């Protein structure tokens, strides 16, 4: 993984490269209505190469005490957790200005 990142960033240190890749991502958090009026929070725009989506989905599910899944390059969480997800992502080091809540 480190060799992939360093080759993408032209030999920069892995920590700096990881920070750069996080800053380049534009993360969209939106709400979808499913059958029977159920709400699902969708998180899109995370690059699967730089972020382990399976691990991130697991972390979000445990911190929000909800069910959910990771599929097709996006994370789906049961319920409306848009603002709470944004807070958690900012705490994890993603830049706040790159996280957009789509209403």
N, C-alpha and C. Protein backbone atom coordinates (compact mmCIF):
# COMPACT_ATOMS: atom_id res chain seq x y z
N UNK A 1 0.83 -1.20 0.00
CA UNK A 1 0.00 0.00 0.00
C UNK A 1 0.87 1.25 0.00
N UNK A 2 1.92 1.28 0.83
CA UNK A 2 2.78 2.45 0.89
C UNK A 2 3.45 2.72 -0.44
N UNK A 3 3.90 1.66 -1.11
CA UNK A 3 4.57 1.85 -2.39
C UNK A 3 3.62 2.42 -3.43
N UNK A 4 2.34 2.00 -3.37
CA UNK A 4 1.35 2.54 -4.30
C UNK A 4 1.17 4.03 -4.07
N UNK A 5 1.04 4.43 -2.79
CA UNK A 5 0.83 5.83 -2.47
C UNK A 5 2.04 6.67 -2.84
N UNK A 6 3.24 6.18 -2.52
CA UNK A 6 4.42 6.98 -2.82
C UNK A 6 4.62 7.13 -4.32
N UNK A 7 4.26 6.11 -5.09
CA UNK A 7 4.38 6.25 -6.55
C UNK A 7 3.35 7.24 -7.09
N UNK A 8 2.20 7.33 -6.45
CA UNK A 8 1.18 8.29 -6.87
C UNK A 8 1.60 9.72 -6.53
N UNK A 9 2.35 9.89 -5.46
CA UNK A 9 2.71 11.22 -4.98
C UNK A 9 4.15 11.60 -5.32
N UNK A 10 4.78 10.88 -6.20
CA UNK A 10 6.12 11.24 -6.65
C UNK A 10 7.19 11.13 -5.58
N UNK A 11 7.09 10.12 -4.72
CA UNK A 11 8.13 9.88 -3.72
C UNK A 11 7.97 10.66 -2.43
N UNK A 12 6.84 11.31 -2.20
CA UNK A 12 6.62 12.00 -0.93
C UNK A 12 6.49 10.99 0.20
N UNK A 13 6.75 11.41 1.44
CA UNK A 13 6.56 10.49 2.57
C UNK A 13 5.12 10.00 2.65
N UNK A 14 4.90 8.74 3.08
CA UNK A 14 3.55 8.17 3.09
C UNK A 14 2.52 8.99 3.88
N UNK A 15 2.92 9.58 5.01
CA UNK A 15 1.97 10.36 5.82
C UNK A 15 1.48 11.58 5.05
N UNK A 16 2.42 12.26 4.40
CA UNK A 16 2.07 13.44 3.63
C UNK A 16 1.22 13.08 2.42
N UNK A 17 1.56 11.99 1.78
CA UNK A 17 0.82 11.52 0.61
C UNK A 17 -0.61 11.16 1.00
N UNK A 18 -0.77 10.47 2.14
CA UNK A 18 -2.11 10.09 2.61
C UNK A 18 -2.95 11.33 2.87
N UNK A 19 -2.35 12.36 3.48
CA UNK A 19 -3.06 13.62 3.74
C UNK A 19 -3.48 14.28 2.43
N UNK A 20 -2.60 14.27 1.44
CA UNK A 20 -2.92 14.86 0.14
C UNK A 20 -4.09 14.15 -0.53
N UNK A 21 -4.07 12.82 -0.49
CA UNK A 21 -5.14 12.08 -1.14
C UNK A 21 -6.47 12.30 -0.43
N UNK A 22 -6.45 12.45 0.90
CA UNK A 22 -7.69 12.74 1.63
C UNK A 22 -8.24 14.10 1.23
N UNK A 23 -7.33 15.08 1.03
CA UNK A 23 -7.77 16.43 0.69
C UNK A 23 -8.33 16.52 -0.72
N UNK A 24 -7.95 15.61 -1.61
CA UNK A 24 -8.41 15.66 -3.00
C UNK A 24 -9.79 15.04 -3.18
N UNK A 25 -10.26 14.29 -2.22
CA UNK A 25 -11.55 13.61 -2.36
C UNK A 25 -12.70 14.53 -2.00
N UNK A 26 -13.76 14.50 -2.77
CA UNK A 26 -14.98 15.23 -2.44
C UNK A 26 -16.01 14.18 -2.05
N UNK A 27 -16.39 14.21 -0.79
CA UNK A 27 -17.28 13.19 -0.24
C UNK A 27 -18.69 13.75 -0.20
N UNK A 28 -19.64 13.00 -0.77
CA UNK A 28 -21.04 13.41 -0.78
C UNK A 28 -21.82 12.50 0.16
N UNK A 29 -22.59 13.13 1.04
CA UNK A 29 -23.45 12.38 1.96
C UNK A 29 -24.88 12.77 1.62
N UNK A 30 -25.69 11.77 1.30
CA UNK A 30 -27.07 12.08 0.93
C UNK A 30 -28.03 11.08 1.54
N UNK A 31 -29.29 11.40 1.47
CA UNK A 31 -30.34 10.55 2.04
C UNK A 31 -31.21 10.02 0.92
N UNK A 32 -31.46 8.72 0.94
CA UNK A 32 -32.38 8.10 -0.02
C UNK A 32 -33.53 7.49 0.75
N UNK A 33 -34.69 7.55 0.14
CA UNK A 33 -35.87 6.89 0.72
C UNK A 33 -36.05 5.55 0.04
N UNK A 34 -36.23 4.52 0.81
CA UNK A 34 -36.43 3.18 0.27
C UNK A 34 -37.88 2.77 0.49
N UNK A 35 -38.13 1.50 0.27
CA UNK A 35 -39.49 0.99 0.45
C UNK A 35 -40.00 1.29 1.85
N UNK A 36 -41.30 1.49 1.94
CA UNK A 36 -41.99 1.73 3.21
C UNK A 36 -41.48 2.99 3.90
N UNK A 37 -40.92 3.93 3.16
CA UNK A 37 -40.49 5.20 3.72
C UNK A 37 -39.23 5.14 4.56
N UNK A 38 -38.46 4.08 4.45
CA UNK A 38 -37.23 3.95 5.24
C UNK A 38 -36.12 4.82 4.67
N UNK A 39 -35.39 5.47 5.56
CA UNK A 39 -34.30 6.35 5.15
C UNK A 39 -32.98 5.58 5.15
N UNK A 40 -32.14 5.88 4.16
CA UNK A 40 -30.81 5.27 4.06
C UNK A 40 -29.82 6.40 3.77
N UNK A 41 -28.76 6.49 4.58
CA UNK A 41 -27.71 7.47 4.38
C UNK A 41 -26.68 6.88 3.43
N UNK A 42 -26.37 7.60 2.35
CA UNK A 42 -25.42 7.14 1.34
C UNK A 42 -24.18 8.02 1.40
N UNK A 43 -23.00 7.39 1.43
CA UNK A 43 -21.72 8.11 1.42
C UNK A 43 -20.99 7.73 0.15
N UNK A 44 -20.74 8.71 -0.71
CA UNK A 44 -20.09 8.48 -2.00
C UNK A 44 -18.89 9.41 -2.16
N UNK A 45 -18.03 9.06 -3.11
CA UNK A 45 -16.91 9.93 -3.45
C UNK A 45 -15.60 9.55 -2.79
N UNK A 46 -15.60 8.50 -1.99
CA UNK A 46 -14.36 8.03 -1.38
C UNK A 46 -13.63 7.14 -2.37
N UNK A 47 -12.35 7.37 -2.54
CA UNK A 47 -11.56 6.59 -3.47
C UNK A 47 -11.19 5.25 -2.83
N UNK A 48 -11.61 4.17 -3.45
CA UNK A 48 -11.38 2.84 -2.89
C UNK A 48 -9.90 2.48 -2.80
N UNK A 49 -9.07 3.12 -3.62
CA UNK A 49 -7.64 2.83 -3.59
C UNK A 49 -6.97 3.40 -2.34
N UNK A 50 -7.43 4.56 -1.87
CA UNK A 50 -6.80 5.20 -0.73
C UNK A 50 -7.48 4.92 0.60
N UNK A 51 -8.77 4.58 0.57
CA UNK A 51 -9.52 4.36 1.80
C UNK A 51 -10.08 2.95 1.79
N UNK A 52 -9.91 2.23 2.89
CA UNK A 52 -10.50 0.91 3.02
C UNK A 52 -11.98 1.09 3.38
N UNK A 53 -12.85 1.02 2.37
CA UNK A 53 -14.27 1.30 2.58
C UNK A 53 -14.93 0.28 3.50
N UNK A 54 -14.49 -0.96 3.42
CA UNK A 54 -15.07 -1.99 4.28
C UNK A 54 -14.80 -1.66 5.75
N UNK A 55 -13.56 -1.25 6.04
CA UNK A 55 -13.18 -0.91 7.41
C UNK A 55 -13.90 0.37 7.86
N UNK A 56 -13.98 1.37 6.97
CA UNK A 56 -14.66 2.62 7.29
C UNK A 56 -16.15 2.37 7.54
N UNK A 57 -16.78 1.53 6.73
CA UNK A 57 -18.20 1.21 6.92
C UNK A 57 -18.40 0.54 8.28
N UNK A 58 -17.52 -0.37 8.62
CA UNK A 58 -17.61 -1.06 9.91
C UNK A 58 -17.49 -0.07 11.07
N UNK A 59 -16.54 0.84 10.96
CA UNK A 59 -16.33 1.86 12.00
C UNK A 59 -17.57 2.76 12.14
N UNK A 60 -18.13 3.20 11.01
CA UNK A 60 -19.32 4.06 11.06
C UNK A 60 -20.51 3.31 11.67
N UNK A 61 -20.69 2.07 11.28
CA UNK A 61 -21.81 1.29 11.80
C UNK A 61 -21.71 1.12 13.30
N UNK A 62 -20.52 0.85 13.82
CA UNK A 62 -20.38 0.65 15.26
C UNK A 62 -20.54 1.97 16.02
N UNK A 63 -20.00 3.06 15.47
CA UNK A 63 -20.11 4.35 16.17
C UNK A 63 -21.53 4.92 16.13
N UNK A 64 -22.28 4.57 15.08
CA UNK A 64 -23.65 5.07 14.96
C UNK A 64 -24.68 4.07 15.48
N UNK A 65 -24.23 2.89 15.85
CA UNK A 65 -25.12 1.82 16.33
C UNK A 65 -26.25 1.56 15.34
N UNK A 66 -25.86 1.31 14.10
CA UNK A 66 -26.85 1.06 13.05
C UNK A 66 -26.33 -0.01 12.10
N UNK A 67 -27.21 -0.50 11.28
CA UNK A 67 -26.82 -1.46 10.26
C UNK A 67 -26.43 -0.74 8.99
N UNK A 68 -25.79 -1.47 8.11
CA UNK A 68 -25.41 -0.87 6.85
C UNK A 68 -24.54 -1.81 6.05
N UNK A 69 -24.06 -1.31 4.92
CA UNK A 69 -23.24 -2.13 4.04
C UNK A 69 -22.32 -1.25 3.21
N UNK A 70 -21.36 -1.92 2.57
CA UNK A 70 -20.48 -1.27 1.61
C UNK A 70 -20.64 -2.02 0.30
N UNK A 71 -21.03 -1.32 -0.75
CA UNK A 71 -21.13 -1.98 -2.06
C UNK A 71 -21.07 -0.93 -3.16
N UNK A 72 -20.58 -1.36 -4.31
CA UNK A 72 -20.48 -0.51 -5.50
C UNK A 72 -19.74 0.80 -5.22
N UNK A 73 -18.72 0.74 -4.38
CA UNK A 73 -17.92 1.93 -4.11
C UNK A 73 -18.58 2.96 -3.24
N UNK A 74 -19.62 2.59 -2.53
CA UNK A 74 -20.28 3.53 -1.63
C UNK A 74 -20.71 2.82 -0.35
N UNK A 75 -20.93 3.60 0.69
CA UNK A 75 -21.35 3.06 1.99
C UNK A 75 -22.81 3.44 2.20
N UNK A 76 -23.61 2.46 2.61
CA UNK A 76 -25.03 2.69 2.90
C UNK A 76 -25.28 2.38 4.36
N UNK A 77 -25.89 3.33 5.07
CA UNK A 77 -26.22 3.15 6.49
C UNK A 77 -27.71 3.29 6.69
N UNK A 78 -28.29 2.44 7.50
CA UNK A 78 -29.72 2.50 7.76
C UNK A 78 -30.04 3.70 8.64
N UNK A 79 -31.00 4.51 8.21
CA UNK A 79 -31.42 5.68 8.99
C UNK A 79 -30.79 6.96 8.45
N UNK A 80 -31.23 8.08 9.02
CA UNK A 80 -30.72 9.40 8.63
C UNK A 80 -29.59 9.80 9.58
N UNK A 81 -28.36 9.67 9.11
CA UNK A 81 -27.19 9.97 9.93
C UNK A 81 -26.27 10.98 9.24
N UNK A 82 -26.82 11.80 8.35
CA UNK A 82 -25.99 12.67 7.52
C UNK A 82 -25.05 13.57 8.32
N UNK A 83 -25.57 14.30 9.29
CA UNK A 83 -24.74 15.27 10.02
C UNK A 83 -23.77 14.57 10.96
N UNK A 84 -24.19 13.48 11.54
CA UNK A 84 -23.31 12.72 12.44
C UNK A 84 -22.17 12.07 11.66
N UNK A 85 -22.44 11.58 10.46
CA UNK A 85 -21.40 10.98 9.61
C UNK A 85 -20.36 12.04 9.27
N UNK A 86 -20.81 13.25 8.96
CA UNK A 86 -19.87 14.32 8.63
C UNK A 86 -18.94 14.59 9.81
N UNK A 87 -19.50 14.66 11.03
CA UNK A 87 -18.69 14.88 12.23
C UNK A 87 -17.64 13.79 12.40
N UNK A 88 -18.05 12.55 12.22
CA UNK A 88 -17.14 11.42 12.40
C UNK A 88 -16.03 11.46 11.35
N UNK A 89 -16.37 11.75 10.10
CA UNK A 89 -15.36 11.81 9.05
C UNK A 89 -14.34 12.92 9.31
N UNK A 90 -14.81 14.05 9.83
CA UNK A 90 -13.90 15.15 10.17
C UNK A 90 -12.98 14.72 11.31
N UNK A 91 -13.52 14.03 12.30
CA UNK A 91 -12.70 13.51 13.40
C UNK A 91 -11.64 12.53 12.90
N UNK A 92 -11.96 11.79 11.83
CA UNK A 92 -11.02 10.81 11.27
C UNK A 92 -9.94 11.45 10.40
N UNK A 93 -10.05 12.75 10.14
CA UNK A 93 -9.00 13.43 9.40
C UNK A 93 -9.37 13.90 8.00
N UNK A 94 -10.61 13.66 7.58
CA UNK A 94 -11.04 14.16 6.27
C UNK A 94 -11.33 15.65 6.40
N UNK A 95 -10.90 16.48 5.43
CA UNK A 95 -11.14 17.93 5.52
C UNK A 95 -12.63 18.25 5.43
N UNK A 96 -13.09 19.10 6.35
CA UNK A 96 -14.51 19.42 6.44
C UNK A 96 -15.04 20.08 5.17
N UNK A 97 -14.20 20.91 4.52
CA UNK A 97 -14.67 21.61 3.32
C UNK A 97 -14.88 20.67 2.14
N UNK A 98 -14.36 19.44 2.20
CA UNK A 98 -14.53 18.47 1.12
C UNK A 98 -15.70 17.52 1.36
N UNK A 99 -16.43 17.71 2.45
CA UNK A 99 -17.57 16.86 2.77
C UNK A 99 -18.84 17.66 2.53
N UNK A 100 -19.64 17.18 1.59
CA UNK A 100 -20.86 17.91 1.20
C UNK A 100 -22.08 17.08 1.59
N UNK A 101 -23.02 17.72 2.29
CA UNK A 101 -24.28 17.05 2.60
C UNK A 101 -25.29 17.49 1.56
N UNK A 102 -25.77 16.54 0.77
CA UNK A 102 -26.73 16.83 -0.30
C UNK A 102 -28.14 16.64 0.27
N UNK A 103 -28.92 17.71 0.21
CA UNK A 103 -30.30 17.65 0.74
C UNK A 103 -31.29 17.38 -0.36
